[in-house]
Amino acid sequence: MMTNFRILTISALLISTLALAACNTVRGAGEDLERAGEAIQKSAK
């Protein structure tokens, strides 16, 4: 049970780290989210 929790926790941390590294900065992450929101709005029209 504890092993599954550790694997899940480590996996979540790795995914978070990779996601932030891909965006390069927190500001970049915000800009990426903004662009994604704009794309969704355009496709909804």
N, C-alpha and C. Protein backbone atom coordinates (compact mmCIF):
# COMPACT_ATOMS: atom_id res chain seq x y z
N MET A 1 0.82 -1.19 0.00
CA MET A 1 0.00 0.00 0.00
C MET A 1 0.87 1.25 0.00
N MET A 2 1.84 1.30 0.91
CA MET A 2 2.71 2.47 1.01
C MET A 2 3.57 2.60 -0.24
N THR A 3 3.94 1.48 -0.85
CA THR A 3 4.75 1.52 -2.06
C THR A 3 3.97 2.16 -3.20
N ASN A 4 2.68 1.85 -3.32
CA ASN A 4 1.86 2.45 -4.36
C ASN A 4 1.75 3.96 -4.16
N PHE A 5 1.62 4.38 -2.92
CA PHE A 5 1.53 5.81 -2.61
C PHE A 5 2.83 6.51 -2.98
N ARG A 6 3.95 5.89 -2.69
CA ARG A 6 5.26 6.48 -3.04
C ARG A 6 5.40 6.61 -4.54
N ILE A 7 5.03 5.56 -5.27
CA ILE A 7 5.13 5.60 -6.73
C ILE A 7 4.25 6.70 -7.29
N LEU A 8 3.03 6.82 -6.77
CA LEU A 8 2.10 7.85 -7.22
C LEU A 8 2.66 9.25 -6.91
N THR A 9 3.20 9.43 -5.73
CA THR A 9 3.75 10.72 -5.34
C THR A 9 4.95 11.10 -6.20
N ILE A 10 5.85 10.16 -6.40
CA ILE A 10 7.04 10.43 -7.22
C ILE A 10 6.63 10.72 -8.66
N SER A 11 5.67 9.97 -9.17
CA SER A 11 5.20 10.20 -10.54
C SER A 11 4.59 11.59 -10.68
N ALA A 12 3.78 12.00 -9.71
CA ALA A 12 3.16 13.33 -9.75
C ALA A 12 4.22 14.42 -9.71
N LEU A 13 5.23 14.25 -8.88
CA LEU A 13 6.31 15.24 -8.81
C LEU A 13 7.09 15.32 -10.11
N LEU A 14 7.37 14.19 -10.72
CA LEU A 14 8.11 14.18 -11.99
C LEU A 14 7.30 14.84 -13.09
N ILE A 15 6.02 14.54 -13.16
CA ILE A 15 5.17 15.15 -14.18
C ILE A 15 5.09 16.65 -13.98
N SER A 16 4.95 17.09 -12.73
CA SER A 16 4.89 18.52 -12.44
C SER A 16 6.20 19.21 -12.83
N THR A 17 7.30 18.58 -12.51
CA THR A 17 8.61 19.15 -12.84
C THR A 17 8.79 19.26 -14.35
N LEU A 18 8.42 18.22 -15.07
CA LEU A 18 8.55 18.25 -16.53
C LEU A 18 7.63 19.31 -17.14
N ALA A 19 6.44 19.44 -16.60
CA ALA A 19 5.51 20.44 -17.13
C ALA A 19 6.05 21.85 -16.92
N LEU A 20 6.60 22.12 -15.74
CA LEU A 20 7.16 23.45 -15.48
C LEU A 20 8.42 23.69 -16.30
N ALA A 21 9.21 22.66 -16.48
CA ALA A 21 10.42 22.81 -17.29
C ALA A 21 10.07 23.09 -18.74
N ALA A 22 9.00 22.47 -19.21
CA ALA A 22 8.58 22.71 -20.59
C ALA A 22 8.11 24.14 -20.78
N CYS A 23 7.52 24.71 -19.78
CA CYS A 23 7.05 26.10 -19.86
C CYS A 23 8.19 27.07 -19.58
N ASN A 24 9.27 26.58 -18.98
CA ASN A 24 10.47 27.32 -18.67
C ASN A 24 10.32 28.22 -17.45
N THR A 25 9.22 28.89 -17.28
CA THR A 25 9.02 29.74 -16.11
C THR A 25 7.55 29.73 -15.73
N VAL A 26 7.26 30.24 -14.56
CA VAL A 26 5.86 30.35 -14.14
C VAL A 26 5.13 31.32 -15.06
N ARG A 27 5.81 32.38 -15.47
CA ARG A 27 5.21 33.33 -16.41
C ARG A 27 4.89 32.64 -17.73
N GLY A 28 5.81 31.81 -18.17
CA GLY A 28 5.58 31.06 -19.40
C GLY A 28 4.40 30.11 -19.28
N ALA A 29 4.25 29.52 -18.10
CA ALA A 29 3.11 28.63 -17.87
C ALA A 29 1.81 29.41 -17.97
N GLY A 30 1.79 30.61 -17.40
CA GLY A 30 0.60 31.47 -17.49
C GLY A 30 0.28 31.83 -18.92
N GLU A 31 1.31 32.14 -19.69
CA GLU A 31 1.09 32.49 -21.10
C GLU A 31 0.58 31.29 -21.88
N ASP A 32 1.11 30.12 -21.59
CA ASP A 32 0.66 28.90 -22.26
C ASP A 32 -0.82 28.64 -21.94
N LEU A 33 -1.19 28.81 -20.68
CA LEU A 33 -2.58 28.61 -20.29
C LEU A 33 -3.49 29.63 -20.97
N GLU A 34 -3.00 30.86 -21.08
CA GLU A 34 -3.79 31.90 -21.73
C GLU A 34 -4.01 31.56 -23.20
N ARG A 35 -2.97 31.10 -23.87
CA ARG A 35 -3.10 30.72 -25.29
C ARG A 35 -4.06 29.54 -25.45
N ALA A 36 -3.99 28.60 -24.52
CA ALA A 36 -4.90 27.45 -24.59
C ALA A 36 -6.35 27.91 -24.42
N GLY A 37 -6.57 28.84 -23.49
CA GLY A 37 -7.91 29.39 -23.28
C GLY A 37 -8.42 30.12 -24.50
N GLU A 38 -7.54 30.88 -25.14
CA GLU A 38 -7.94 31.61 -26.35
C GLU A 38 -8.29 30.63 -27.47
N ALA A 39 -7.53 29.56 -27.59
CA ALA A 39 -7.81 28.57 -28.63
C ALA A 39 -9.17 27.91 -28.39
N ILE A 40 -9.48 27.65 -27.14
CA ILE A 40 -10.78 27.05 -26.80
C ILE A 40 -11.91 28.02 -27.14
N GLN A 41 -11.70 29.30 -26.82
CA GLN A 41 -12.72 30.31 -27.11
C GLN A 41 -12.94 30.42 -28.62
N LYS A 42 -11.86 30.42 -29.40
CA LYS A 42 -11.99 30.52 -30.85
C LYS A 42 -12.73 29.32 -31.43
N SER A 43 -12.44 28.13 -30.90
CA SER A 43 -13.10 26.95 -31.43
C SER A 43 -14.57 26.87 -31.01
N ALA A 44 -14.94 27.57 -29.94
CA ALA A 44 -16.32 27.56 -29.47
C ALA A 44 -17.21 28.51 -30.30
N LYS A 45 -16.59 29.44 -31.02
CA LYS A 45 -17.36 30.42 -31.79
C LYS A 45 -17.89 29.83 -33.06
